Amino acid sequence: MSSVAIGLFAGLLLALVAAVGGFDMFMLALVLAAVGVVVGLAVDGRIDVTGLLSGRGRG
């Protein structure tokens, strides 16, 4: 599936959430979509999140 089709599908889902759930649910959907994008980029290897996950050293 092309990125254009995925973007169109995501836009349609967000519009549906906004129409059904109102502004609060729309904002929640945007936050969850952003988390999904970050997870997807991490799984693909496009971003490196090991610095965030490992934390600081103990000594």
PDB file of N, CA and C in Angstrom:
ATOM      1  N   MET A   1       0.853  -1.163   0.000  1.00  0.00           N
ATOM      2  CA  MET A   1       0.000   0.000   0.000  1.00  0.00           C
ATOM      3  C   MET A   1       0.905   1.235   0.000  1.00  0.00           C
ATOM      4  N   SER A   2       0.600   2.185  -0.846  1.00  0.00           N
ATOM      5  CA  SER A   2       1.434   3.378  -0.955  1.00  0.00           C
ATOM      6  C   SER A   2       1.202   4.308   0.238  1.00  0.00           C
ATOM      7  N   SER A   3       2.153   5.193   0.444  1.00  0.00           N
ATOM      8  CA  SER A   3       2.035   6.126   1.565  1.00  0.00           C
ATOM      9  C   SER A   3       0.886   7.099   1.352  1.00  0.00           C
ATOM     10  N   VAL A   4       0.552   7.391   0.106  1.00  0.00           N
ATOM     11  CA  VAL A   4      -0.588   8.268  -0.165  1.00  0.00           C
ATOM     12  C   VAL A   4      -1.887   7.596   0.269  1.00  0.00           C
ATOM     13  N   ALA A   5      -2.029   6.318  -0.034  1.00  0.00           N
ATOM     14  CA  ALA A   5      -3.238   5.597   0.360  1.00  0.00           C
ATOM     15  C   ALA A   5      -3.335   5.473   1.877  1.00  0.00           C
ATOM     16  N   ILE A   6      -2.207   5.248   2.532  1.00  0.00           N
ATOM     17  CA  ILE A   6      -2.209   5.168   3.999  1.00  0.00           C
ATOM     18  C   ILE A   6      -2.583   6.515   4.598  1.00  0.00           C
ATOM     19  N   GLY A   7      -2.042   7.594   4.049  1.00  0.00           N
ATOM     20  CA  GLY A   7      -2.381   8.930   4.533  1.00  0.00           C
ATOM     21  C   GLY A   7      -3.846   9.264   4.329  1.00  0.00           C
ATOM     22  N   LEU A   8      -4.390   8.861   3.183  1.00  0.00           N
ATOM     23  CA  LEU A   8      -5.803   9.091   2.919  1.00  0.00           C
ATOM     24  C   LEU A   8      -6.672   8.315   3.901  1.00  0.00           C
ATOM     25  N   PHE A   9      -6.321   7.072   4.147  1.00  0.00           N
ATOM     26  CA  PHE A   9      -7.062   6.247   5.089  1.00  0.00           C
ATOM     27  C   PHE A   9      -6.995   6.833   6.499  1.00  0.00           C
ATOM     28  N   ALA A  10      -5.813   7.284   6.915  1.00  0.00           N
ATOM     29  CA  ALA A  10      -5.668   7.894   8.244  1.00  0.00           C
ATOM     30  C   ALA A  10      -6.493   9.172   8.345  1.00  0.00           C
ATOM     31  N   GLY A  11      -6.500   9.971   7.295  1.00  0.00           N
ATOM     32  CA  GLY A  11      -7.299  11.197   7.299  1.00  0.00           C
ATOM     33  C   GLY A  11      -8.782  10.919   7.397  1.00  0.00           C
ATOM     34  N   LEU A  12      -9.232   9.889   6.691  1.00  0.00           N
ATOM     35  CA  LEU A  12     -10.641   9.524   6.769  1.00  0.00           C
ATOM     36  C   LEU A  12     -11.017   9.019   8.158  1.00  0.00           C
ATOM     37  N   LEU A  13     -10.134   8.245   8.774  1.00  0.00           N
ATOM     38  CA  LEU A  13     -10.411   7.774  10.132  1.00  0.00           C
ATOM     39  C   LEU A  13     -10.465   8.929  11.122  1.00  0.00           C
ATOM     40  N   LEU A  14      -9.547   9.882  11.001  1.00  0.00           N
ATOM     41  CA  LEU A  14      -9.558  11.036  11.902  1.00  0.00           C
ATOM     42  C   LEU A  14     -10.811  11.885  11.691  1.00  0.00           C
ATOM     43  N   ALA A  15     -11.252  12.019  10.453  1.00  0.00           N
ATOM     44  CA  ALA A  15     -12.484  12.765  10.189  1.00  0.00           C
ATOM     45  C   ALA A  15     -13.684  12.057  10.802  1.00  0.00           C
ATOM     46  N   LEU A  16     -13.698  10.741  10.736  1.00  0.00           N
ATOM     47  CA  LEU A  16     -14.787   9.975  11.345  1.00  0.00           C
ATOM     48  C   LEU A  16     -14.795  10.143  12.861  1.00  0.00           C
ATOM     49  N   VAL A  17     -13.622  10.104  13.464  1.00  0.00           N
ATOM     50  CA  VAL A  17     -13.527  10.295  14.914  1.00  0.00           C
ATOM     51  C   VAL A  17     -14.003  11.692  15.295  1.00  0.00           C
ATOM     52  N   ALA A  18     -13.619  12.695  14.517  1.00  0.00           N
ATOM     53  CA  ALA A  18     -14.037  14.066  14.813  1.00  0.00           C
ATOM     54  C   ALA A  18     -15.549  14.215  14.679  1.00  0.00           C
ATOM     55  N   ALA A  19     -16.131  13.551  13.697  1.00  0.00           N
ATOM     56  CA  ALA A  19     -17.575  13.673  13.486  1.00  0.00           C
ATOM     57  C   ALA A  19     -18.358  12.959  14.572  1.00  0.00           C
ATOM     58  N   VAL A  20     -17.855  11.835  15.054  1.00  0.00           N
ATOM     59  CA  VAL A  20     -18.594  11.035  16.028  1.00  0.00           C
ATOM     60  C   VAL A  20     -18.291  11.460  17.458  1.00  0.00           C
ATOM     61  N   GLY A  21     -17.009  11.661  17.774  1.00  0.00           N
ATOM     62  CA  GLY A  21     -16.626  11.851  19.161  1.00  0.00           C
ATOM     63  C   GLY A  21     -16.400  13.278  19.601  1.00  0.00           C
ATOM     64  N   GLY A  22     -16.344  14.206  18.690  1.00  0.00           N
ATOM     65  CA  GLY A  22     -16.110  15.590  19.063  1.00  0.00           C
ATOM     66  C   GLY A  22     -14.626  15.917  19.138  1.00  0.00           C
ATOM     67  N   PHE A  23     -14.346  17.114  19.642  1.00  0.00           N
ATOM     68  CA  PHE A  23     -12.983  17.628  19.637  1.00  0.00           C
ATOM     69  C   PHE A  23     -12.057  16.835  20.556  1.00  0.00           C
ATOM     70  N   ASP A  24     -12.513  16.438  21.719  1.00  0.00           N
ATOM     71  CA  ASP A  24     -11.674  15.694  22.664  1.00  0.00           C
ATOM     72  C   ASP A  24     -11.219  14.360  22.076  1.00  0.00           C
ATOM     73  N   MET A  25     -12.126  13.646  21.473  1.00  0.00           N
ATOM     74  CA  MET A  25     -11.776  12.361  20.861  1.00  0.00           C
ATOM     75  C   MET A  25     -10.871  12.558  19.648  1.00  0.00           C
ATOM     76  N   PHE A  26     -11.058  13.664  18.932  1.00  0.00           N
ATOM     77  CA  PHE A  26     -10.193  13.972  17.797  1.00  0.00           C
ATOM     78  C   PHE A  26      -8.765  14.200  18.260  1.00  0.00           C
ATOM     79  N   MET A  27      -8.594  14.943  19.344  1.00  0.00           N
ATOM     80  CA  MET A  27      -7.252  15.199  19.870  1.00  0.00           C
ATOM     81  C   MET A  27      -6.613  13.905  20.381  1.00  0.00           C
ATOM     82  N   LEU A  28      -7.390  13.047  21.029  1.00  0.00           N
ATOM     83  CA  LEU A  28      -6.880  11.762  21.475  1.00  0.00           C
ATOM     84  C   LEU A  28      -6.452  10.908  20.284  1.00  0.00           C
ATOM     85  N   ALA A  29      -7.224  10.931  19.214  1.00  0.00           N
ATOM     86  CA  ALA A  29      -6.869  10.179  18.013  1.00  0.00           C
ATOM     87  C   ALA A  29      -5.582  10.711  17.393  1.00  0.00           C
ATOM     88  N   LEU A  30      -5.384  12.024  17.408  1.00  0.00           N
ATOM     89  CA  LEU A  30      -4.144  12.596  16.879  1.00  0.00           C
ATOM     90  C   LEU A  30      -2.936  12.169  17.708  1.00  0.00           C
ATOM     91  N   VAL A  31      -3.069  12.170  19.026  1.00  0.00           N
ATOM     92  CA  VAL A  31      -1.964  11.758  19.900  1.00  0.00           C
ATOM     93  C   VAL A  31      -1.631  10.284  19.679  1.00  0.00           C
ATOM     94  N   LEU A  32      -2.648   9.453  19.615  1.00  0.00           N
ATOM     95  CA  LEU A  32      -2.408   8.028  19.382  1.00  0.00           C
ATOM     96  C   LEU A  32      -1.822   7.770  17.996  1.00  0.00           C
ATOM     97  N   ALA A  33      -2.229   8.556  17.011  1.00  0.00           N
ATOM     98  CA  ALA A  33      -1.651   8.426  15.677  1.00  0.00           C
ATOM     99  C   ALA A  33      -0.176   8.799  15.689  1.00  0.00           C
ATOM    100  N   ALA A  34       0.182   9.846  16.434  1.00  0.00           N
ATOM    101  CA  ALA A  34       1.588  10.241  16.528  1.00  0.00           C
ATOM    102  C   ALA A  34       2.415   9.157  17.208  1.00  0.00           C
ATOM    103  N   VAL A  35       1.879   8.545  18.234  1.00  0.00           N
ATOM    104  CA  VAL A  35       2.577   7.436  18.895  1.00  0.00           C
ATOM    105  C   VAL A  35       2.750   6.274  17.914  1.00  0.00           C
ATOM    106  N   GLY A  36       1.733   5.996  17.138  1.00  0.00           N
ATOM    107  CA  GLY A  36       1.821   4.932  16.150  1.00  0.00           C
ATOM    108  C   GLY A  36       2.867   5.203  15.087  1.00  0.00           C
ATOM    109  N   VAL A  37       2.983   6.460  14.679  1.00  0.00           N
ATOM    110  CA  VAL A  37       4.010   6.826  13.696  1.00  0.00           C
ATOM    111  C   VAL A  37       5.406   6.610  14.280  1.00  0.00           C
ATOM    112  N   VAL A  38       5.615   7.019  15.514  1.00  0.00           N
ATOM    113  CA  VAL A  38       6.925   6.844  16.150  1.00  0.00           C
ATOM    114  C   VAL A  38       7.255   5.361  16.300  1.00  0.00           C
ATOM    115  N   VAL A  39       6.292   4.565  16.711  1.00  0.00           N
ATOM    116  CA  VAL A  39       6.527   3.122  16.844  1.00  0.00           C
ATOM    117  C   VAL A  39       6.830   2.508  15.475  1.00  0.00           C
ATOM    118  N   GLY A  40       6.080   2.908  14.457  1.00  0.00           N
ATOM    119  CA  GLY A  40       6.323   2.390  13.115  1.00  0.00           C
ATOM    120  C   GLY A  40       7.694   2.764  12.588  1.00  0.00           C
ATOM    121  N   LEU A  41       8.122   3.996  12.826  1.00  0.00           N
ATOM    122  CA  LEU A  41       9.453   4.417  12.393  1.00  0.00           C
ATOM    123  C   LEU A  41      10.540   3.669  13.151  1.00  0.00           C
ATOM    124  N   ALA A  42      10.316   3.397  14.423  1.00  0.00           N
ATOM    125  CA  ALA A  42      11.300   2.650  15.208  1.00  0.00           C
ATOM    126  C   ALA A  42      11.397   1.205  14.729  1.00  0.00           C
ATOM    127  N   VAL A  43      10.271   0.603  14.395  1.00  0.00           N
ATOM    128  CA  VAL A  43      10.277  -0.779  13.906  1.00  0.00           C
ATOM    129  C   VAL A  43      10.968  -0.853  12.547  1.00  0.00           C
ATOM    130  N   ASP A  44      10.748   0.142  11.697  1.00  0.00           N
ATOM    131  CA  ASP A  44      11.388   0.176  10.385  1.00  0.00           C
ATOM    132  C   ASP A  44      12.876   0.482  10.469  1.00  0.00           C
ATOM    133  N   GLY A  45      13.324   1.009  11.594  1.00  0.00           N
ATOM    134  CA  GLY A  45      14.728   1.353  11.745  1.00  0.00           C
ATOM    135  C   GLY A  45      15.072   2.742  11.250  1.00  0.00           C
ATOM    136  N   ARG A  46      14.075   3.569  11.011  1.00  0.00           N
ATOM    137  CA  ARG A  46      14.332   4.926  10.528  1.00  0.00           C
ATOM    138  C   ARG A  46      14.732   5.879  11.642  1.00  0.00           C
ATOM    139  N   ILE A  47      14.323   5.600  12.875  1.00  0.00           N
ATOM    140  CA  ILE A  47      14.758   6.409  14.014  1.00  0.00           C
ATOM    141  C   ILE A  47      15.327   5.475  15.073  1.00  0.00           C
ATOM    142  N   ASP A  48      16.209   6.023  15.898  1.00  0.00           N
ATOM    143  CA  ASP A  48      16.865   5.242  16.942  1.00  0.00           C
ATOM    144  C   ASP A  48      16.350   5.712  18.296  1.00  0.00           C
ATOM    145  N   VAL A  49      15.667   4.841  19.004  1.00  0.00           N
ATOM    146  CA  VAL A  49      15.089   5.199  20.298  1.00  0.00           C
ATOM    147  C   VAL A  49      15.821   4.522  21.456  1.00  0.00           C
ATOM    148  N   THR A  50      16.986   3.940  21.197  1.00  0.00           N
ATOM    149  CA  THR A  50      17.706   3.243  22.261  1.00  0.00           C
ATOM    150  C   THR A  50      18.158   4.215  23.349  1.00  0.00           C
ATOM    151  N   GLY A  51      18.465   5.453  22.986  1.00  0.00           N
ATOM    152  CA  GLY A  51      18.846   6.442  23.988  1.00  0.00           C
ATOM    153  C   GLY A  51      17.715   6.772  24.938  1.00  0.00           C
ATOM    154  N   LEU A  52      16.502   6.770  24.430  1.00  0.00           N
ATOM    155  CA  LEU A  52      15.342   7.047  25.279  1.00  0.00           C
ATOM    156  C   LEU A  52      14.989   5.854  26.156  1.00  0.00           C
ATOM    157  N   LEU A  53      15.191   4.661  25.633  1.00  0.00           N
ATOM    158  CA  LEU A  53      14.787   3.472  26.368  1.00  0.00           C
ATOM    159  C   LEU A  53      15.813   3.025  27.393  1.00  0.00           C
ATOM    160  N   SER A  54      17.100   3.287  27.145  1.00  0.00           N
ATOM    161  CA  SER A  54      18.126   2.790  28.056  1.00  0.00           C
ATOM    162  C   SER A  54      18.249   3.652  29.316  1.00  0.00           C
ATOM    163  N   GLY A  55      17.883   4.907  29.241  1.00  0.00           N
ATOM    164  CA  GLY A  55      18.001   5.777  30.413  1.00  0.00           C
ATOM    165  C   GLY A  55      19.436   6.205  30.638  1.00  0.00           C
ATOM    166  N   ARG A  56      19.711   6.705  31.805  1.00  0.00           N
ATOM    167  CA  ARG A  56      21.063   7.162  32.138  1.00  0.00           C
ATOM    168  C   ARG A  56      21.825   6.053  32.831  1.00  0.00           C
ATOM    169  N   GLY A  57      23.129   6.143  32.756  1.00  0.00           N
ATOM    170  CA  GLY A  57      23.971   5.148  33.428  1.00  0.00           C
ATOM    171  C   GLY A  57      23.892   5.308  34.943  1.00  0.00           C
ATOM    172  N   ARG A  58      24.281   4.272  35.654  1.00  0.00           N
ATOM    173  CA  ARG A  58      24.176   4.304  37.114  1.00  0.00           C
ATOM    174  C   ARG A  58      25.469   4.748  37.777  1.00  0.00           C
ATOM    175  N   GLY A  59      26.427   5.094  37.038  1.00  0.00           N
ATOM    176  CA  GLY A  59      27.644   5.433  37.751  1.00  0.00           C
ATOM    177  C   GLY A  59      28.477   6.324  37.008  1.00  0.00           C
TER     178      GLY A  59
END
